[in-house]
């Protein structure tokens, strides 16, 4: 007897089961996921997951995981590793830091592929919602609780914003502020039919209902770099999902190199191109 792959019913509420439970079932359901390995350290304990995409973040991710553990947040921590080789995700360390699972991408793709891998795994595990936070230590982890609260209140997309009332932007490079405030946020807000003030911020939450809706289809190979972040920002408002912002703290190190994987003019232009494509509907199914 074989299992028939099922997608969650978007009308059934956030606790509705039904995501493909195995890679084969996900493939049969049309979900395109990168090859990956799963290291599981503890059973599921909470209704929401905290996904942290990383690759070679060294002491930054280790310090962040300790802060998350010590904060006692009501989330299960899932690390989405792009293939780190720096030893920062040593099994003994991550287990002691309270991580539930480390998913390591072995197939092609960059950030969006890591997120597809992790989001699909979380849906298959039955999480009601997913909060995502960068793994480079720039974000204040205390805002995770506020995002979970918004998801529990029925919001389907929650954008973290350093510019919202109560938010903090510390040592943000000038070019980042200009690009975000004058180009990125206005474009995606217009396309998404809701004003967002900080759309380049990877700190955000999504409900399982939103990610599993057949009109969204985030599990496609077209999302390989940063496209999925931008697409999910605009698609929620277009489809009438409940969206909101919460204030967050984002701190860049003073007098040090900016922790980022976007380096050089070519990479920045590519991000801008992905932004325009998301705003113009190129990624809609």
C-alpha atoms as a PDB file:
ATOM      1  CA  UNK A   1       0.000   0.000   0.000  1.00  0.00           C
ATOM      2  CA  UNK A   2       1.381   3.421  -0.973  1.00  0.00           C
ATOM      3  CA  UNK A   3       0.676   6.806   0.544  1.00  0.00           C
ATOM      4  CA  UNK A   4      -1.148   9.343  -1.616  1.00  0.00           C
ATOM      5  CA  UNK A   5       0.544  12.749  -1.363  1.00  0.00           C
ATOM      6  CA  UNK A   6      -1.757  15.440   0.002  1.00  0.00           C
ATOM      7  CA  UNK A   7      -1.357  19.196   0.229  1.00  0.00           C
ATOM      8  CA  UNK A   8      -2.738  21.080   3.216  1.00  0.00           C
ATOM      9  CA  UNK A   9      -6.194  22.515   2.587  1.00  0.00           C
ATOM     10  CA  UNK A  10      -5.762  26.328   2.670  1.00  0.00           C
ATOM     11  CA  UNK A  11      -9.336  26.711   3.905  1.00  0.00           C
ATOM     12  CA  UNK A  12      -8.978  24.263   6.765  1.00  0.00           C
ATOM     13  CA  UNK A  13      -6.987  26.430   9.165  1.00  0.00           C
ATOM     14  CA  UNK A  14      -3.380  26.487  10.320  1.00  0.00           C
ATOM     15  CA  UNK A  15      -3.406  23.107  12.043  1.00  0.00           C
ATOM     16  CA  UNK A  16      -4.718  21.159   9.061  1.00  0.00           C
ATOM     17  CA  UNK A  17      -2.451  18.175   8.258  1.00  0.00           C
ATOM     18  CA  UNK A  18      -1.651  16.980   4.803  1.00  0.00           C
ATOM     19  CA  UNK A  19       1.809  18.028   3.563  1.00  0.00           C
ATOM     20  CA  UNK A  20       3.793  15.370   1.699  1.00  0.00           C
ATOM     21  CA  UNK A  21       5.555  13.420   4.421  1.00  0.00           C
ATOM     22  CA  UNK A  22       8.428  11.973   2.366  1.00  0.00           C
ATOM     23  CA  UNK A  23      10.677  13.242  -0.460  1.00  0.00           C
ATOM     24  CA  UNK A  24       8.966  10.836  -2.861  1.00  0.00           C
ATOM     25  CA  UNK A  25       5.529  12.089  -1.828  1.00  0.00           C
ATOM     26  CA  UNK A  26       6.655  15.702  -2.201  1.00  0.00           C
ATOM     27  CA  UNK A  27       7.939  14.963  -5.701  1.00  0.00           C
ATOM     28  CA  UNK A  28       4.666  13.265  -6.615  1.00  0.00           C
ATOM     29  CA  UNK A  29       2.800  16.338  -5.328  1.00  0.00           C
ATOM     30  CA  UNK A  30       4.854  18.535  -7.644  1.00  0.00           C
ATOM     31  CA  UNK A  31       7.079  20.052  -4.966  1.00  0.00           C
ATOM     32  CA  UNK A  32      10.554  20.747  -6.348  1.00  0.00           C
ATOM     33  CA  UNK A  33      13.061  20.462  -3.499  1.00  0.00           C
ATOM     34  CA  UNK A  34      16.858  20.347  -3.471  1.00  0.00           C
ATOM     35  CA  UNK A  35      18.544  17.153  -2.365  1.00  0.00           C
ATOM     36  CA  UNK A  36      19.334  17.378   1.333  1.00  0.00           C
ATOM     37  CA  UNK A  37      20.146  15.487   4.505  1.00  0.00           C
ATOM     38  CA  UNK A  38      18.391  15.745   7.867  1.00  0.00           C
ATOM     39  CA  UNK A  39      20.051  15.453  11.268  1.00  0.00           C
ATOM     40  CA  UNK A  40      17.316  15.215  13.904  1.00  0.00           C
ATOM     41  CA  UNK A  41      18.217  15.952  17.530  1.00  0.00           C
ATOM     42  CA  UNK A  42      14.942  16.154  19.427  1.00  0.00           C
ATOM     43  CA  UNK A  43      11.183  15.599  18.964  1.00  0.00           C
ATOM     44  CA  UNK A  44       8.722  18.287  18.007  1.00  0.00           C
ATOM     45  CA  UNK A  45       7.752  20.428  21.006  1.00  0.00           C
ATOM     46  CA  UNK A  46       6.008  23.548  19.668  1.00  0.00           C
ATOM     47  CA  UNK A  47       3.400  24.574  17.109  1.00  0.00           C
ATOM     48  CA  UNK A  48       5.782  26.967  15.323  1.00  0.00           C
ATOM     49  CA  UNK A  49       9.228  26.545  13.836  1.00  0.00           C
ATOM     50  CA  UNK A  50      12.103  29.010  13.666  1.00  0.00           C
ATOM     51  CA  UNK A  51      14.043  28.460  10.427  1.00  0.00           C
ATOM     52  CA  UNK A  52      17.593  29.820  10.296  1.00  0.00           C
ATOM     53  CA  UNK A  53      19.358  29.694   6.894  1.00  0.00           C
ATOM     54  CA  UNK A  54      23.154  29.648   7.217  1.00  0.00           C
ATOM     55  CA  UNK A  55      26.374  28.908   5.419  1.00  0.00           C
ATOM     56  CA  UNK A  56      29.734  29.293   7.151  1.00  0.00           C
ATOM     57  CA  UNK A  57      28.568  31.841   9.722  1.00  0.00           C
ATOM     58  CA  UNK A  58      31.110  30.758  12.318  1.00  0.00           C
ATOM     59  CA  UNK A  59      30.810  32.329  15.760  1.00  0.00           C
ATOM     60  CA  UNK A  60      27.865  34.478  14.617  1.00  0.00           C
ATOM     61  CA  UNK A  61      25.465  31.541  14.279  1.00  0.00           C
ATOM     62  CA  UNK A  62      26.790  29.880  17.410  1.00  0.00           C
ATOM     63  CA  UNK A  63      26.195  32.994  19.493  1.00  0.00           C
ATOM     64  CA  UNK A  64      22.762  33.425  17.949  1.00  0.00           C
ATOM     65  CA  UNK A  65      21.705  29.865  18.735  1.00  0.00           C
ATOM     66  CA  UNK A  66      22.772  30.299  22.349  1.00  0.00           C
ATOM     67  CA  UNK A  67      20.768  33.538  22.615  1.00  0.00           C
ATOM     68  CA  UNK A  68      17.711  31.813  21.176  1.00  0.00           C
ATOM     69  CA  UNK A  69      18.063  28.909  23.611  1.00  0.00           C
ATOM     70  CA  UNK A  70      18.501  31.237  26.572  1.00  0.00           C
ATOM     71  CA  UNK A  71      15.476  33.326  25.544  1.00  0.00           C
ATOM     72  CA  UNK A  72      13.197  30.309  26.037  1.00  0.00           C
ATOM     73  CA  UNK A  73      11.222  31.002  22.877  1.00  0.00           C
ATOM     74  CA  UNK A  74       8.169  28.856  22.094  1.00  0.00           C
ATOM     75  CA  UNK A  75       9.562  27.605  18.787  1.00  0.00           C
ATOM     76  CA  UNK A  76      11.426  24.584  17.493  1.00  0.00           C
ATOM     77  CA  UNK A  77      14.733  25.681  15.949  1.00  0.00           C
ATOM     78  CA  UNK A  78      15.471  24.331  12.468  1.00  0.00           C
ATOM     79  CA  UNK A  79      18.812  25.208  10.875  1.00  0.00           C
ATOM     80  CA  UNK A  80      18.795  25.265   7.056  1.00  0.00           C
ATOM     81  CA  UNK A  81      22.447  24.785   6.147  1.00  0.00           C
ATOM     82  CA  UNK A  82      23.675  25.575   2.659  1.00  0.00           C
ATOM     83  CA  UNK A  83      26.735  23.367   3.121  1.00  0.00           C
ATOM     84  CA  UNK A  84      28.855  24.890   5.882  1.00  0.00           C
ATOM     85  CA  UNK A  85      32.459  23.710   6.149  1.00  0.00           C
ATOM     86  CA  UNK A  86      33.638  25.867   9.061  1.00  0.00           C
ATOM     87  CA  UNK A  87      32.613  23.521  11.878  1.00  0.00           C
ATOM     88  CA  UNK A  88      30.094  25.995  13.296  1.00  0.00           C
ATOM     89  CA  UNK A  89      27.342  23.381  13.179  1.00  0.00           C
ATOM     90  CA  UNK A  90      29.177  20.670  15.036  1.00  0.00           C
ATOM     91  CA  UNK A  91      26.555  18.133  16.185  1.00  0.00           C
ATOM     92  CA  UNK A  92      27.581  18.356  19.804  1.00  0.00           C
ATOM     93  CA  UNK A  93      27.222  22.124  19.786  1.00  0.00           C
ATOM     94  CA  UNK A  94      23.867  22.365  17.993  1.00  0.00           C
ATOM     95  CA  UNK A  95      22.347  19.656  20.170  1.00  0.00           C
ATOM     96  CA  UNK A  96      23.466  21.490  23.297  1.00  0.00           C
ATOM     97  CA  UNK A  97      22.063  24.723  21.870  1.00  0.00           C
ATOM     98  CA  UNK A  98      18.594  23.210  21.716  1.00  0.00           C
ATOM     99  CA  UNK A  99      18.335  22.856  17.941  1.00  0.00           C
ATOM    100  CA  UNK A 100      15.677  20.387  16.846  1.00  0.00           C
ATOM    101  CA  UNK A 101      17.087  19.616  13.394  1.00  0.00           C
ATOM    102  CA  UNK A 102      19.799  20.612  10.944  1.00  0.00           C
ATOM    103  CA  UNK A 103      18.860  20.256   7.289  1.00  0.00           C
ATOM    104  CA  UNK A 104      21.886  20.316   4.994  1.00  0.00           C
ATOM    105  CA  UNK A 105      21.335  21.096   1.331  1.00  0.00           C
ATOM    106  CA  UNK A 106      23.398  18.881  -0.968  1.00  0.00           C
ATOM    107  CA  UNK A 107      21.692  19.869  -4.225  1.00  0.00           C
ATOM    108  CA  UNK A 108      21.962  23.089  -6.252  1.00  0.00           C
ATOM    109  CA  UNK A 109      20.676  26.526  -5.333  1.00  0.00           C
ATOM    110  CA  UNK A 110      21.364  29.202  -2.754  1.00  0.00           C
ATOM    111  CA  UNK A 111      19.187  30.908  -0.141  1.00  0.00           C
ATOM    112  CA  UNK A 112      15.792  30.235  -1.721  1.00  0.00           C
ATOM    113  CA  UNK A 113      16.703  26.577  -2.181  1.00  0.00           C
ATOM    114  CA  UNK A 114      17.605  26.373   1.513  1.00  0.00           C
ATOM    115  CA  UNK A 115      14.258  27.935   2.410  1.00  0.00           C
ATOM    116  CA  UNK A 116      12.293  25.590   0.131  1.00  0.00           C
ATOM    117  CA  UNK A 117      14.014  22.644   1.775  1.00  0.00           C
ATOM    118  CA  UNK A 118      13.272  23.887   5.295  1.00  0.00           C
ATOM    119  CA  UNK A 119       9.725  25.123   4.677  1.00  0.00           C
ATOM    120  CA  UNK A 120       8.710  21.841   3.055  1.00  0.00           C
ATOM    121  CA  UNK A 121      10.167  19.877   5.961  1.00  0.00           C
ATOM    122  CA  UNK A 122       8.339  22.053   8.479  1.00  0.00           C
ATOM    123  CA  UNK A 123       5.014  21.660   6.684  1.00  0.00           C
ATOM    124  CA  UNK A 124       5.503  17.899   6.593  1.00  0.00           C
ATOM    125  CA  UNK A 125       6.139  18.039  10.351  1.00  0.00           C
ATOM    126  CA  UNK A 126       2.796  19.765  10.867  1.00  0.00           C
ATOM    127  CA  UNK A 127       3.923  23.191  12.053  1.00  0.00           C
ATOM    128  CA  UNK A 128       1.208  25.854  12.058  1.00  0.00           C
ATOM    129  CA  UNK A 129       3.624  28.584  11.052  1.00  0.00           C
ATOM    130  CA  UNK A 130       7.265  29.354  10.374  1.00  0.00           C
ATOM    131  CA  UNK A 131       9.386  32.294  11.479  1.00  0.00           C
ATOM    132  CA  UNK A 132      12.571  32.897   9.485  1.00  0.00           C
ATOM    133  CA  UNK A 133      15.605  34.756  10.792  1.00  0.00           C
ATOM    134  CA  UNK A 134      19.029  35.210   9.186  1.00  0.00           C
ATOM    135  CA  UNK A 135      21.855  33.246  10.746  1.00  0.00           C
ATOM    136  CA  UNK A 136      24.457  36.020  10.772  1.00  0.00           C
ATOM    137  CA  UNK A 137      23.588  37.387  14.204  1.00  0.00           C
ATOM    138  CA  UNK A 138      22.321  40.808  13.079  1.00  0.00           C
ATOM    139  CA  UNK A 139      18.762  40.366  14.360  1.00  0.00           C
ATOM    140  CA  UNK A 140      17.399  40.708  17.870  1.00  0.00           C
ATOM    141  CA  UNK A 141      15.873  37.331  18.687  1.00  0.00           C
ATOM    142  CA  UNK A 142      13.339  38.830  21.100  1.00  0.00           C
ATOM    143  CA  UNK A 143      11.054  39.709  18.170  1.00  0.00           C
ATOM    144  CA  UNK A 144      10.478  36.015  17.416  1.00  0.00           C
ATOM    145  CA  UNK A 145       7.839  35.903  20.158  1.00  0.00           C
ATOM    146  CA  UNK A 146       5.983  38.863  18.605  1.00  0.00           C
ATOM    147  CA  UNK A 147       5.964  37.163  15.212  1.00  0.00           C
ATOM    148  CA  UNK A 148       4.606  33.947  16.674  1.00  0.00           C
ATOM    149  CA  UNK A 149       1.939  36.005  18.421  1.00  0.00           C
ATOM    150  CA  UNK A 150       0.857  37.544  15.119  1.00  0.00           C
ATOM    151  CA  UNK A 151       0.693  34.123  13.466  1.00  0.00           C
ATOM    152  CA  UNK A 152      -1.378  32.812  16.355  1.00  0.00           C
ATOM    153  CA  UNK A 153      -3.680  35.824  15.953  1.00  0.00           C
ATOM    154  CA  UNK A 154      -4.450  34.750  12.393  1.00  0.00           C
ATOM    155  CA  UNK A 155      -1.980  36.706  10.294  1.00  0.00           C
ATOM    156  CA  UNK A 156      -0.470  34.794   7.385  1.00  0.00           C
ATOM    157  CA  UNK A 157       2.534  36.954   6.527  1.00  0.00           C
ATOM    158  CA  UNK A 158       4.440  38.961   9.142  1.00  0.00           C
ATOM    159  CA  UNK A 159       7.279  41.206   7.984  1.00  0.00           C
ATOM    160  CA  UNK A 160       9.930  42.277  10.468  1.00  0.00           C
ATOM    161  CA  UNK A 161      10.870  45.946  10.173  1.00  0.00           C
ATOM    162  CA  UNK A 162      13.663  47.925  11.763  1.00  0.00           C
ATOM    163  CA  UNK A 163      11.841  51.057  10.557  1.00  0.00           C
ATOM    164  CA  UNK A 164       8.446  50.329  12.145  1.00  0.00           C
ATOM    165  CA  UNK A 165       7.616  52.217  15.363  1.00  0.00           C
ATOM    166  CA  UNK A 166       9.633  50.533  18.100  1.00  0.00           C
ATOM    167  CA  UNK A 167      12.135  49.039  15.670  1.00  0.00           C
ATOM    168  CA  UNK A 168      15.863  49.703  15.725  1.00  0.00           C
ATOM    169  CA  UNK A 169      18.278  50.152  12.818  1.00  0.00           C
ATOM    170  CA  UNK A 170      21.841  50.151  14.135  1.00  0.00           C
ATOM    171  CA  UNK A 171      24.844  50.963  11.918  1.00  0.00           C
ATOM    172  CA  UNK A 172      22.918  50.184   8.722  1.00  0.00           C
ATOM    173  CA  UNK A 173      25.124  50.929   5.676  1.00  0.00           C
ATOM    174  CA  UNK A 174      23.870  53.997   3.789  1.00  0.00           C
ATOM    175  CA  UNK A 175      23.503  52.182   0.476  1.00  0.00           C
ATOM    176  CA  UNK A 176      21.311  49.575   2.188  1.00  0.00           C
ATOM    177  CA  UNK A 177      19.060  52.258   3.656  1.00  0.00           C
ATOM    178  CA  UNK A 178      18.689  54.031   0.313  1.00  0.00           C
ATOM    179  CA  UNK A 179      18.074  50.851  -1.654  1.00  0.00           C
ATOM    180  CA  UNK A 180      15.553  49.518   0.836  1.00  0.00           C
ATOM    181  CA  UNK A 181      13.606  52.681   1.577  1.00  0.00           C
ATOM    182  CA  UNK A 182      13.566  54.257  -1.891  1.00  0.00           C
ATOM    183  CA  UNK A 183      13.497  51.265  -4.248  1.00  0.00           C
ATOM    184  CA  UNK A 184      12.874  47.851  -2.723  1.00  0.00           C
ATOM    185  CA  UNK A 185      10.129  48.603  -0.198  1.00  0.00           C
ATOM    186  CA  UNK A 186       8.072  50.897  -2.480  1.00  0.00           C
ATOM    187  CA  UNK A 187       8.213  48.392  -5.349  1.00  0.00           C
ATOM    188  CA  UNK A 188       7.174  45.356  -3.340  1.00  0.00           C
ATOM    189  CA  UNK A 189       4.595  47.314  -1.343  1.00  0.00           C
ATOM    190  CA  UNK A 190       2.936  48.523  -4.522  1.00  0.00           C
ATOM    191  CA  UNK A 191       2.941  45.024  -6.001  1.00  0.00           C
ATOM    192  CA  UNK A 192       1.775  43.426  -2.733  1.00  0.00           C
ATOM    193  CA  UNK A 193      -1.025  45.952  -2.086  1.00  0.00           C
ATOM    194  CA  UNK A 194       0.195  46.671   1.428  1.00  0.00           C
ATOM    195  CA  UNK A 195       2.766  49.136   2.700  1.00  0.00           C
ATOM    196  CA  UNK A 196       5.908  47.458   4.028  1.00  0.00           C
ATOM    197  CA  UNK A 197       8.813  49.530   5.283  1.00  0.00           C
ATOM    198  CA  UNK A 198      11.620  46.936   5.339  1.00  0.00           C
ATOM    199  CA  UNK A 199      11.237  44.371   2.563  1.00  0.00           C
ATOM    200  CA  UNK A 200      14.935  43.461   2.352  1.00  0.00           C
ATOM    201  CA  UNK A 201      14.739  42.161   5.914  1.00  0.00           C
ATOM    202  CA  UNK A 202      14.804  38.364   6.003  1.00  0.00           C
ATOM    203  CA  UNK A 203      13.205  38.322   9.462  1.00  0.00           C
ATOM    204  CA  UNK A 204       9.594  37.345   8.778  1.00  0.00           C
ATOM    205  CA  UNK A 205       6.845  34.829   9.531  1.00  0.00           C
ATOM    206  CA  UNK A 206       4.498  32.814   7.322  1.00  0.00           C
ATOM    207  CA  UNK A 207       1.539  30.628   8.168  1.00  0.00           C
ATOM    208  CA  UNK A 208       1.335  27.052   6.927  1.00  0.00           C
ATOM    209  CA  UNK A 209      -1.980  28.031   5.354  1.00  0.00           C
ATOM    210  CA  UNK A 210      -0.220  30.635   3.190  1.00  0.00           C
ATOM    211  CA  UNK A 211       2.736  28.471   2.161  1.00  0.00           C
ATOM    212  CA  UNK A 212       0.493  25.509   1.275  1.00  0.00           C
ATOM    213  CA  UNK A 213      -2.049  27.479  -0.750  1.00  0.00           C
ATOM    214  CA  UNK A 214      -2.036  26.146  -4.344  1.00  0.00           C
ATOM    215  CA  UNK A 215      -2.077  29.724  -5.647  1.00  0.00           C
ATOM    216  CA  UNK A 216       1.322  30.330  -4.036  1.00  0.00           C
ATOM    217  CA  UNK A 217       3.401  27.241  -4.895  1.00  0.00           C
ATOM    218  CA  UNK A 218       6.692  28.224  -3.261  1.00  0.00           C
ATOM    219  CA  UNK A 219       8.262  24.823  -3.887  1.00  0.00           C
ATOM    220  CA  UNK A 220       9.518  25.455  -7.414  1.00  0.00           C
ATOM    221  CA  UNK A 221      13.038  25.435  -8.821  1.00  0.00           C
ATOM    222  CA  UNK A 222      12.592  28.985 -10.126  1.00  0.00           C
ATOM    223  CA  UNK A 223      13.365  30.028  -6.554  1.00  0.00           C
ATOM    224  CA  UNK A 224      17.094  29.527  -6.195  1.00  0.00           C
ATOM    225  CA  UNK A 225      18.681  32.786  -5.012  1.00  0.00           C
ATOM    226  CA  UNK A 226      16.705  35.518  -3.192  1.00  0.00           C
ATOM    227  CA  UNK A 227      13.536  35.327  -5.293  1.00  0.00           C
ATOM    228  CA  UNK A 228      11.428  33.438  -2.764  1.00  0.00           C
ATOM    229  CA  UNK A 229      11.830  36.148  -0.112  1.00  0.00           C
ATOM    230  CA  UNK A 230      10.585  38.844  -2.471  1.00  0.00           C
ATOM    231  CA  UNK A 231       7.841  36.699  -3.977  1.00  0.00           C
ATOM    232  CA  UNK A 232       6.318  35.733  -0.643  1.00  0.00           C
ATOM    233  CA  UNK A 233       6.252  39.406   0.356  1.00  0.00           C
ATOM    234  CA  UNK A 234       4.102  40.415  -2.612  1.00  0.00           C
ATOM    235  CA  UNK A 235       2.010  37.277  -3.091  1.00  0.00           C
ATOM    236  CA  UNK A 236       0.326  37.362   0.328  1.00  0.00           C
ATOM    237  CA  UNK A 237      -1.341  40.731  -0.225  1.00  0.00           C
ATOM    238  CA  UNK A 238      -2.237  39.916  -3.812  1.00  0.00           C
ATOM    239  CA  UNK A 239      -4.219  36.890  -2.652  1.00  0.00           C
ATOM    240  CA  UNK A 240      -5.929  38.653   0.230  1.00  0.00           C
ATOM    241  CA  UNK A 241      -4.055  36.993   3.083  1.00  0.00           C
ATOM    242  CA  UNK A 242      -3.752  38.916   6.343  1.00  0.00           C
ATOM    243  CA  UNK A 243      -0.395  40.698   6.449  1.00  0.00           C
ATOM    244  CA  UNK A 244       1.309  42.950   8.987  1.00  0.00           C
ATOM    245  CA  UNK A 245       4.651  44.255  10.254  1.00  0.00           C
ATOM    246  CA  UNK A 246       6.319  43.956  13.641  1.00  0.00           C
ATOM    247  CA  UNK A 247       9.224  46.069  14.898  1.00  0.00           C
ATOM    248  CA  UNK A 248      12.592  44.332  15.083  1.00  0.00           C
ATOM    249  CA  UNK A 249      16.161  45.247  15.883  1.00  0.00           C
ATOM    250  CA  UNK A 250      18.795  44.803  13.178  1.00  0.00           C
ATOM    251  CA  UNK A 251      22.367  45.662  14.125  1.00  0.00           C
ATOM    252  CA  UNK A 252      25.352  45.784  11.796  1.00  0.00           C
ATOM    253  CA  UNK A 253      28.785  45.493  13.430  1.00  0.00           C
ATOM    254  CA  UNK A 254      30.498  48.838  13.817  1.00  0.00           C
ATOM    255  CA  UNK A 255      33.901  49.147  12.175  1.00  0.00           C
ATOM    256  CA  UNK A 256      33.743  45.626  10.687  1.00  0.00           C
ATOM    257  CA  UNK A 257      32.936  44.144   7.308  1.00  0.00           C
ATOM    258  CA  UNK A 258      29.189  43.864   6.668  1.00  0.00           C
ATOM    259  CA  UNK A 259      27.970  40.280   7.264  1.00  0.00           C
ATOM    260  CA  UNK A 260      26.383  39.533   3.889  1.00  0.00           C
ATOM    261  CA  UNK A 261      26.500  37.078   1.004  1.00  0.00           C
ATOM    262  CA  UNK A 262      25.643  39.857  -1.500  1.00  0.00           C
ATOM    263  CA  UNK A 263      29.000  41.193  -2.611  1.00  0.00           C
ATOM    264  CA  UNK A 264      30.000  43.150  -5.683  1.00  0.00           C
ATOM    265  CA  UNK A 265      28.055  45.173  -8.226  1.00  0.00           C
ATOM    266  CA  UNK A 266      26.961  42.139 -10.208  1.00  0.00           C
ATOM    267  CA  UNK A 267      25.373  40.447  -7.214  1.00  0.00           C
ATOM    268  CA  UNK A 268      23.572  43.640  -6.186  1.00  0.00           C
ATOM    269  CA  UNK A 269      22.239  44.149  -9.707  1.00  0.00           C
ATOM    270  CA  UNK A 270      20.993  40.553  -9.708  1.00  0.00           C
ATOM    271  CA  UNK A 271      19.074  41.172  -6.473  1.00  0.00           C
ATOM    272  CA  UNK A 272      17.526  44.279  -8.053  1.00  0.00           C
ATOM    273  CA  UNK A 273      16.531  42.232 -11.104  1.00  0.00           C
ATOM    274  CA  UNK A 274      14.881  39.613  -8.884  1.00  0.00           C
ATOM    275  CA  UNK A 275      13.034  42.391  -7.057  1.00  0.00           C
ATOM    276  CA  UNK A 276      11.571  43.787 -10.275  1.00  0.00           C
ATOM    277  CA  UNK A 277      10.611  40.324 -11.471  1.00  0.00           C
ATOM    278  CA  UNK A 278       8.775  39.643  -8.213  1.00  0.00           C
ATOM    279  CA  UNK A 279       7.006  43.004  -8.394  1.00  0.00           C
ATOM    280  CA  UNK A 280       5.954  42.397 -12.005  1.00  0.00           C
ATOM    281  CA  UNK A 281       4.492  38.962 -11.286  1.00  0.00           C
ATOM    282  CA  UNK A 282       7.078  36.816 -13.041  1.00  0.00           C
ATOM    283  CA  UNK A 283       7.081  34.207 -10.262  1.00  0.00           C
ATOM    284  CA  UNK A 284       3.315  33.770  -9.956  1.00  0.00           C
ATOM    285  CA  UNK A 285       2.287  30.199 -10.849  1.00  0.00           C
END
